[in-house]
N, C-alpha and C. Protein backbone atom coordinates (compact mmCIF):
# COMPACT_ATOMS: atom_id res chain seq x y z
N MET A 1 -11.64 -9.33 16.63
CA MET A 1 -10.83 -8.32 16.01
C MET A 1 -10.92 -8.53 14.49
N SER A 2 -11.09 -7.45 13.78
CA SER A 2 -11.28 -7.53 12.33
C SER A 2 -10.00 -7.93 11.68
N PHE A 3 -10.11 -8.50 10.45
CA PHE A 3 -8.94 -8.91 9.67
C PHE A 3 -8.00 -7.75 9.41
N GLU A 4 -8.56 -6.55 9.11
CA GLU A 4 -7.73 -5.43 8.84
C GLU A 4 -6.85 -5.10 10.07
N TYR A 5 -7.40 -5.12 11.25
CA TYR A 5 -6.62 -4.84 12.45
C TYR A 5 -5.53 -5.97 12.67
N LYS A 6 -5.93 -7.20 12.31
CA LYS A 6 -4.96 -8.28 12.42
C LYS A 6 -3.77 -8.04 11.51
N MET A 7 -4.09 -7.62 10.32
CA MET A 7 -2.98 -7.30 9.35
C MET A 7 -2.12 -6.10 9.91
N LEU A 8 -2.81 -5.14 10.53
CA LEU A 8 -2.00 -4.04 11.12
C LEU A 8 -1.10 -4.53 12.21
N VAL A 9 -1.54 -5.39 13.05
CA VAL A 9 -0.74 -5.99 14.16
C VAL A 9 0.37 -6.78 13.54
N LEU A 10 0.07 -7.63 12.55
CA LEU A 10 1.12 -8.42 11.94
C LEU A 10 2.19 -7.53 11.33
N MET A 11 1.80 -6.51 10.62
CA MET A 11 2.79 -5.63 10.01
C MET A 11 3.53 -4.85 11.05
N THR A 12 2.96 -4.48 12.19
CA THR A 12 3.67 -3.80 13.24
C THR A 12 4.71 -4.68 13.82
N VAL A 13 4.40 -5.97 14.07
CA VAL A 13 5.43 -6.89 14.57
C VAL A 13 6.56 -7.04 13.55
N PHE A 14 6.18 -7.19 12.29
CA PHE A 14 7.17 -7.31 11.21
C PHE A 14 8.09 -6.04 11.23
N PHE A 15 7.41 -4.93 11.30
CA PHE A 15 8.17 -3.62 11.30
C PHE A 15 9.14 -3.52 12.51
N LEU A 16 8.65 -3.93 13.65
CA LEU A 16 9.57 -3.85 14.85
C LEU A 16 10.75 -4.80 14.77
N LEU A 17 10.64 -5.88 14.03
CA LEU A 17 11.70 -6.89 13.92
C LEU A 17 12.56 -6.72 12.62
N ALA A 18 12.14 -5.87 11.76
CA ALA A 18 12.79 -5.73 10.42
C ALA A 18 14.22 -5.21 10.48
N PHE A 19 14.61 -4.65 11.65
CA PHE A 19 16.05 -4.19 11.75
C PHE A 19 17.02 -5.28 11.92
N LEU A 20 16.54 -6.51 12.26
CA LEU A 20 17.47 -7.63 12.61
C LEU A 20 18.40 -8.08 11.49
N PRO A 21 17.98 -8.28 10.26
CA PRO A 21 18.92 -8.64 9.26
C PRO A 21 20.12 -7.70 9.07
N ALA A 22 19.79 -6.41 9.01
CA ALA A 22 20.88 -5.40 8.88
C ALA A 22 21.76 -5.42 10.11
N SER A 23 21.27 -5.65 11.32
CA SER A 23 22.05 -5.73 12.50
C SER A 23 22.92 -6.90 12.51
N PHE A 24 22.42 -8.01 12.06
CA PHE A 24 23.29 -9.28 11.94
C PHE A 24 24.40 -9.03 10.97
N ALA A 25 24.11 -8.35 9.84
CA ALA A 25 25.18 -8.06 8.87
C ALA A 25 26.20 -7.16 9.47
N LYS A 26 25.78 -6.16 10.24
CA LYS A 26 26.70 -5.26 10.93
C LYS A 26 27.53 -5.97 11.97
N LEU A 27 26.93 -6.86 12.70
CA LEU A 27 27.64 -7.65 13.69
C LEU A 27 28.68 -8.51 12.96
N ASN A 28 28.38 -9.14 11.85
CA ASN A 28 29.31 -9.98 11.10
C ASN A 28 30.44 -9.10 10.49
N SER A 29 30.12 -7.91 10.02
CA SER A 29 31.13 -7.08 9.33
C SER A 29 31.99 -6.29 10.28
N PHE A 30 31.39 -5.81 11.41
CA PHE A 30 32.11 -4.87 12.27
C PHE A 30 32.33 -5.36 13.69
N GLY A 31 31.62 -6.39 14.06
CA GLY A 31 31.81 -6.97 15.42
C GLY A 31 30.83 -6.37 16.44
N GLY A 32 30.70 -7.13 17.54
CA GLY A 32 29.76 -6.75 18.62
C GLY A 32 30.09 -5.49 19.35
N LYS A 33 31.40 -5.24 19.52
CA LYS A 33 31.85 -4.06 20.22
C LYS A 33 31.36 -2.79 19.37
N TRP A 34 31.59 -2.86 18.08
CA TRP A 34 31.15 -1.74 17.28
C TRP A 34 29.68 -1.57 17.30
N LEU A 35 28.91 -2.70 17.23
CA LEU A 35 27.45 -2.67 17.24
C LEU A 35 26.91 -2.09 18.48
N ALA A 36 27.58 -2.24 19.63
CA ALA A 36 27.13 -1.70 20.90
C ALA A 36 27.65 -0.32 21.15
N SER A 37 28.42 0.22 20.20
CA SER A 37 29.04 1.53 20.42
C SER A 37 28.23 2.64 19.78
N ASN A 38 28.84 3.82 19.65
CA ASN A 38 28.18 4.99 18.92
C ASN A 38 28.37 4.90 17.40
N ARG A 39 28.94 3.83 16.97
CA ARG A 39 29.08 3.46 15.57
C ARG A 39 29.85 4.46 14.74
N ILE A 40 31.05 4.69 15.09
CA ILE A 40 31.96 5.47 14.36
C ILE A 40 32.35 4.65 13.09
N PRO A 41 32.31 5.23 11.91
CA PRO A 41 32.64 4.40 10.68
C PRO A 41 33.97 3.76 10.75
N VAL A 42 34.04 2.57 10.27
CA VAL A 42 35.21 1.72 10.22
C VAL A 42 35.85 1.92 8.90
N VAL A 43 37.05 2.54 8.93
CA VAL A 43 37.79 2.82 7.63
C VAL A 43 38.27 1.48 7.05
N GLY A 44 38.00 1.32 5.74
CA GLY A 44 38.52 0.06 5.07
C GLY A 44 37.68 -1.15 5.29
N ASN A 45 36.53 -1.02 5.96
CA ASN A 45 35.65 -2.19 6.18
C ASN A 45 34.21 -1.77 5.91
N GLU A 46 33.64 -2.39 4.97
CA GLU A 46 32.23 -2.02 4.58
C GLU A 46 31.30 -3.15 4.85
N LEU A 47 30.02 -2.82 4.89
CA LEU A 47 28.96 -3.78 5.11
C LEU A 47 28.85 -4.70 3.87
N GLN A 48 28.53 -5.98 4.14
CA GLN A 48 28.36 -6.88 3.04
C GLN A 48 27.18 -6.40 2.19
N ALA A 49 27.12 -6.75 0.90
CA ALA A 49 26.12 -6.32 -0.05
C ALA A 49 24.72 -6.59 0.46
N TRP A 50 24.46 -7.80 0.95
CA TRP A 50 23.13 -8.16 1.41
C TRP A 50 22.76 -7.34 2.63
N GLY A 51 23.75 -7.04 3.49
CA GLY A 51 23.46 -6.22 4.61
C GLY A 51 23.11 -4.76 4.28
N ALA A 52 23.78 -4.27 3.30
CA ALA A 52 23.45 -2.91 2.78
C ALA A 52 22.04 -2.89 2.21
N ARG A 53 21.69 -3.98 1.46
CA ARG A 53 20.33 -4.07 0.92
C ARG A 53 19.30 -4.16 2.08
N ALA A 54 19.67 -4.88 3.13
CA ALA A 54 18.73 -5.06 4.30
C ALA A 54 18.52 -3.63 4.94
N GLU A 55 19.60 -2.84 4.96
CA GLU A 55 19.42 -1.50 5.55
C GLU A 55 18.43 -0.63 4.65
N ARG A 56 18.60 -0.77 3.35
CA ARG A 56 17.71 0.02 2.43
C ARG A 56 16.34 -0.52 2.48
N ALA A 57 16.15 -1.84 2.60
CA ALA A 57 14.81 -2.44 2.66
C ALA A 57 14.11 -1.96 3.94
N HIS A 58 14.87 -1.94 5.03
CA HIS A 58 14.23 -1.44 6.29
C HIS A 58 13.89 0.04 6.20
N ALA A 59 14.73 0.85 5.60
CA ALA A 59 14.42 2.28 5.43
C ALA A 59 13.25 2.43 4.55
N ASN A 60 13.09 1.60 3.52
CA ASN A 60 11.89 1.73 2.66
C ASN A 60 10.65 1.39 3.38
N LEU A 61 10.72 0.38 4.26
CA LEU A 61 9.58 -0.06 5.10
C LEU A 61 9.17 1.09 6.04
N LYS A 62 10.20 1.66 6.62
CA LYS A 62 9.89 2.84 7.53
C LYS A 62 9.25 3.96 6.80
N ASP A 63 9.59 4.15 5.53
CA ASP A 63 8.97 5.23 4.77
C ASP A 63 7.52 4.97 4.41
N ASN A 64 7.19 3.74 4.20
CA ASN A 64 5.92 3.39 3.65
C ASN A 64 4.87 2.90 4.64
N PHE A 65 5.31 2.43 5.83
CA PHE A 65 4.46 1.92 6.83
C PHE A 65 3.43 2.89 7.46
N PRO A 66 3.84 4.15 7.76
CA PRO A 66 2.91 5.10 8.34
C PRO A 66 1.63 5.32 7.56
N GLY A 67 1.71 5.32 6.28
CA GLY A 67 0.51 5.50 5.43
C GLY A 67 -0.57 4.37 5.68
N PHE A 68 0.02 3.16 5.77
CA PHE A 68 -0.91 2.00 6.02
C PHE A 68 -1.51 2.11 7.43
N VAL A 69 -0.74 2.42 8.40
CA VAL A 69 -1.19 2.59 9.78
C VAL A 69 -2.42 3.60 9.80
N VAL A 70 -2.15 4.79 9.19
CA VAL A 70 -3.17 5.80 9.18
C VAL A 70 -4.44 5.39 8.46
N ALA A 71 -4.25 4.72 7.32
CA ALA A 71 -5.45 4.27 6.53
C ALA A 71 -6.22 3.23 7.32
N VAL A 72 -5.60 2.27 7.92
CA VAL A 72 -6.37 1.21 8.59
C VAL A 72 -7.04 1.78 9.83
N LEU A 73 -6.37 2.63 10.65
CA LEU A 73 -6.95 3.17 11.78
C LEU A 73 -8.10 4.10 11.44
N LEU A 74 -7.94 4.93 10.44
CA LEU A 74 -9.09 5.78 10.05
C LEU A 74 -10.29 5.00 9.50
N LEU A 75 -10.00 4.00 8.67
CA LEU A 75 -11.09 3.22 8.18
C LEU A 75 -11.84 2.49 9.27
N GLY A 76 -11.13 2.07 10.31
CA GLY A 76 -11.77 1.41 11.43
C GLY A 76 -12.61 2.43 12.25
N VAL A 77 -12.10 3.54 12.48
CA VAL A 77 -12.86 4.57 13.24
C VAL A 77 -14.09 5.01 12.43
N MET A 78 -13.97 5.07 11.14
CA MET A 78 -15.07 5.50 10.26
C MET A 78 -16.01 4.40 9.93
N SER A 79 -15.78 3.12 10.42
CA SER A 79 -16.57 1.93 10.15
C SER A 79 -16.71 1.68 8.64
N LYS A 80 -15.57 1.76 7.95
CA LYS A 80 -15.53 1.54 6.55
C LYS A 80 -14.92 0.25 6.05
N PHE A 81 -14.72 -0.62 6.96
CA PHE A 81 -14.14 -1.92 6.61
C PHE A 81 -15.18 -2.70 5.76
N ASP A 82 -14.74 -3.36 4.72
CA ASP A 82 -15.62 -4.20 3.93
C ASP A 82 -14.80 -5.32 3.28
N ASN A 83 -15.36 -6.11 2.36
CA ASN A 83 -14.61 -7.21 1.78
C ASN A 83 -13.38 -6.70 0.97
N VAL A 84 -13.51 -5.55 0.39
CA VAL A 84 -12.33 -5.05 -0.38
C VAL A 84 -11.20 -4.64 0.50
N THR A 85 -11.58 -3.98 1.66
CA THR A 85 -10.43 -3.60 2.62
C THR A 85 -9.78 -4.85 3.20
N VAL A 86 -10.50 -5.93 3.30
CA VAL A 86 -9.88 -7.21 3.74
C VAL A 86 -8.82 -7.62 2.73
N TRP A 87 -9.18 -7.56 1.42
CA TRP A 87 -8.26 -7.93 0.36
C TRP A 87 -7.11 -6.92 0.32
N ALA A 88 -7.37 -5.64 0.45
CA ALA A 88 -6.33 -4.64 0.33
C ALA A 88 -5.29 -4.70 1.43
N THR A 89 -5.82 -4.94 2.68
CA THR A 89 -4.84 -5.05 3.80
C THR A 89 -4.00 -6.35 3.62
N GLY A 90 -4.61 -7.45 3.23
CA GLY A 90 -3.91 -8.67 3.00
C GLY A 90 -2.85 -8.54 1.91
N LEU A 91 -3.22 -7.89 0.79
CA LEU A 91 -2.30 -7.66 -0.27
C LEU A 91 -1.19 -6.71 0.08
N TYR A 92 -1.46 -5.69 0.90
CA TYR A 92 -0.42 -4.86 1.44
C TYR A 92 0.65 -5.62 2.21
N VAL A 93 0.16 -6.54 3.09
CA VAL A 93 1.16 -7.30 3.84
C VAL A 93 1.98 -8.21 2.94
N ILE A 94 1.34 -8.90 2.02
CA ILE A 94 2.04 -9.73 1.06
C ILE A 94 3.06 -8.91 0.30
N GLY A 95 2.66 -7.76 -0.23
CA GLY A 95 3.51 -6.93 -1.00
C GLY A 95 4.71 -6.39 -0.23
N ARG A 96 4.49 -5.92 1.00
CA ARG A 96 5.58 -5.35 1.82
C ARG A 96 6.56 -6.44 2.21
N VAL A 97 6.06 -7.60 2.67
CA VAL A 97 6.95 -8.68 3.10
C VAL A 97 7.76 -9.18 1.83
N SER A 98 7.09 -9.38 0.72
CA SER A 98 7.78 -9.84 -0.46
C SER A 98 8.80 -8.79 -0.96
N HIS A 99 8.47 -7.49 -0.79
CA HIS A 99 9.44 -6.45 -1.18
C HIS A 99 10.65 -6.55 -0.28
N TYR A 100 10.45 -6.65 1.02
CA TYR A 100 11.56 -6.64 1.97
C TYR A 100 12.47 -7.87 1.74
N VAL A 101 11.91 -9.01 1.66
CA VAL A 101 12.68 -10.27 1.50
C VAL A 101 13.41 -10.26 0.15
N SER A 102 12.72 -9.90 -0.92
CA SER A 102 13.36 -9.86 -2.20
C SER A 102 14.43 -8.76 -2.38
N TYR A 103 14.22 -7.71 -1.63
CA TYR A 103 15.29 -6.60 -1.62
C TYR A 103 16.55 -7.13 -1.06
N ILE A 104 16.46 -7.85 0.09
CA ILE A 104 17.64 -8.38 0.75
C ILE A 104 18.27 -9.44 -0.14
N ALA A 105 17.44 -10.27 -0.81
CA ALA A 105 17.90 -11.33 -1.68
C ALA A 105 18.54 -10.84 -2.97
N GLY A 106 18.19 -9.57 -3.36
CA GLY A 106 18.70 -9.01 -4.54
C GLY A 106 17.88 -9.35 -5.78
N ASN A 107 16.59 -9.75 -5.56
CA ASN A 107 15.72 -10.07 -6.71
C ASN A 107 14.90 -8.82 -7.06
N VAL A 108 15.29 -8.15 -8.12
CA VAL A 108 14.72 -6.84 -8.46
C VAL A 108 13.30 -7.00 -8.94
N THR A 109 12.98 -8.06 -9.72
CA THR A 109 11.67 -8.16 -10.26
C THR A 109 10.61 -8.38 -9.18
N ILE A 110 10.85 -9.34 -8.20
CA ILE A 110 9.94 -9.56 -7.14
C ILE A 110 9.79 -8.32 -6.25
N ARG A 111 10.98 -7.69 -6.06
CA ARG A 111 11.00 -6.45 -5.23
C ARG A 111 10.05 -5.43 -5.83
N PHE A 112 10.18 -5.19 -7.12
CA PHE A 112 9.34 -4.20 -7.83
C PHE A 112 7.87 -4.55 -7.74
N LEU A 113 7.56 -5.81 -8.01
CA LEU A 113 6.15 -6.24 -7.97
C LEU A 113 5.57 -6.11 -6.59
N GLY A 114 6.36 -6.49 -5.54
CA GLY A 114 5.91 -6.34 -4.17
C GLY A 114 5.64 -4.85 -3.79
N TYR A 115 6.57 -4.02 -4.29
CA TYR A 115 6.40 -2.58 -3.99
C TYR A 115 5.15 -2.01 -4.69
N VAL A 116 4.91 -2.36 -5.87
CA VAL A 116 3.73 -1.88 -6.64
C VAL A 116 2.41 -2.44 -6.05
N LEU A 117 2.45 -3.68 -5.63
CA LEU A 117 1.25 -4.33 -4.95
C LEU A 117 0.92 -3.64 -3.66
N ALA A 118 1.95 -3.41 -2.81
CA ALA A 118 1.71 -2.74 -1.54
C ALA A 118 1.29 -1.26 -1.71
N LEU A 119 1.94 -0.62 -2.60
CA LEU A 119 1.55 0.79 -2.87
C LEU A 119 0.22 0.93 -3.42
N SER A 120 -0.19 0.04 -4.35
CA SER A 120 -1.60 0.12 -4.88
C SER A 120 -2.60 -0.11 -3.80
N ALA A 121 -2.34 -1.19 -2.96
CA ALA A 121 -3.27 -1.50 -1.88
C ALA A 121 -3.42 -0.38 -0.87
N ASN A 122 -2.26 0.30 -0.59
CA ASN A 122 -2.26 1.37 0.35
C ASN A 122 -3.01 2.62 -0.23
N LEU A 123 -2.76 2.89 -1.52
CA LEU A 123 -3.44 4.00 -2.15
C LEU A 123 -4.93 3.80 -2.17
N TYR A 124 -5.37 2.53 -2.40
CA TYR A 124 -6.84 2.21 -2.42
C TYR A 124 -7.37 2.51 -0.98
N LEU A 125 -6.68 1.99 0.07
CA LEU A 125 -7.14 2.23 1.44
C LEU A 125 -7.25 3.72 1.78
N LEU A 126 -6.26 4.48 1.35
CA LEU A 126 -6.28 5.90 1.66
C LEU A 126 -7.32 6.58 0.82
N ALA A 127 -7.65 6.16 -0.37
CA ALA A 127 -8.71 6.75 -1.19
C ALA A 127 -10.09 6.48 -0.55
N LYS A 128 -10.19 5.29 -0.01
CA LYS A 128 -11.48 4.87 0.65
C LYS A 128 -11.72 5.78 1.87
N VAL A 129 -10.63 6.20 2.55
CA VAL A 129 -10.84 7.16 3.67
C VAL A 129 -11.42 8.42 3.20
N ILE A 130 -10.97 8.93 2.09
CA ILE A 130 -11.38 10.21 1.57
C ILE A 130 -12.75 10.12 0.96
N LEU A 131 -13.01 9.07 0.24
CA LEU A 131 -14.31 8.94 -0.53
C LEU A 131 -15.48 8.38 0.29
């Protein structure tokens, strides 16, 4: 399996598990009964700050992951993998994971750098599909 596909699998596993921090925060703030319910808002009780950031980090990941999936799959089908796509897929993973973790931790600088790194890598991959 190519490195690019390995990065796609790694990101898919990360994507599938990225809901966990926000869910733990909800469990801690609202309890297990609420978490297993239809989640009617709890008046006077809000999610902890890190939990709210975890929700936003997960939402951002959901917004940005499809472009990476499309780029990697199309590049593979088109036999356009090369040394630069190896770097770009690796940098995408590093950028997205660092963005996610730093978002939850509240580190704006690392969050921004991770976002820019992943976005740049993804834009390169998508441009390579077109060119």
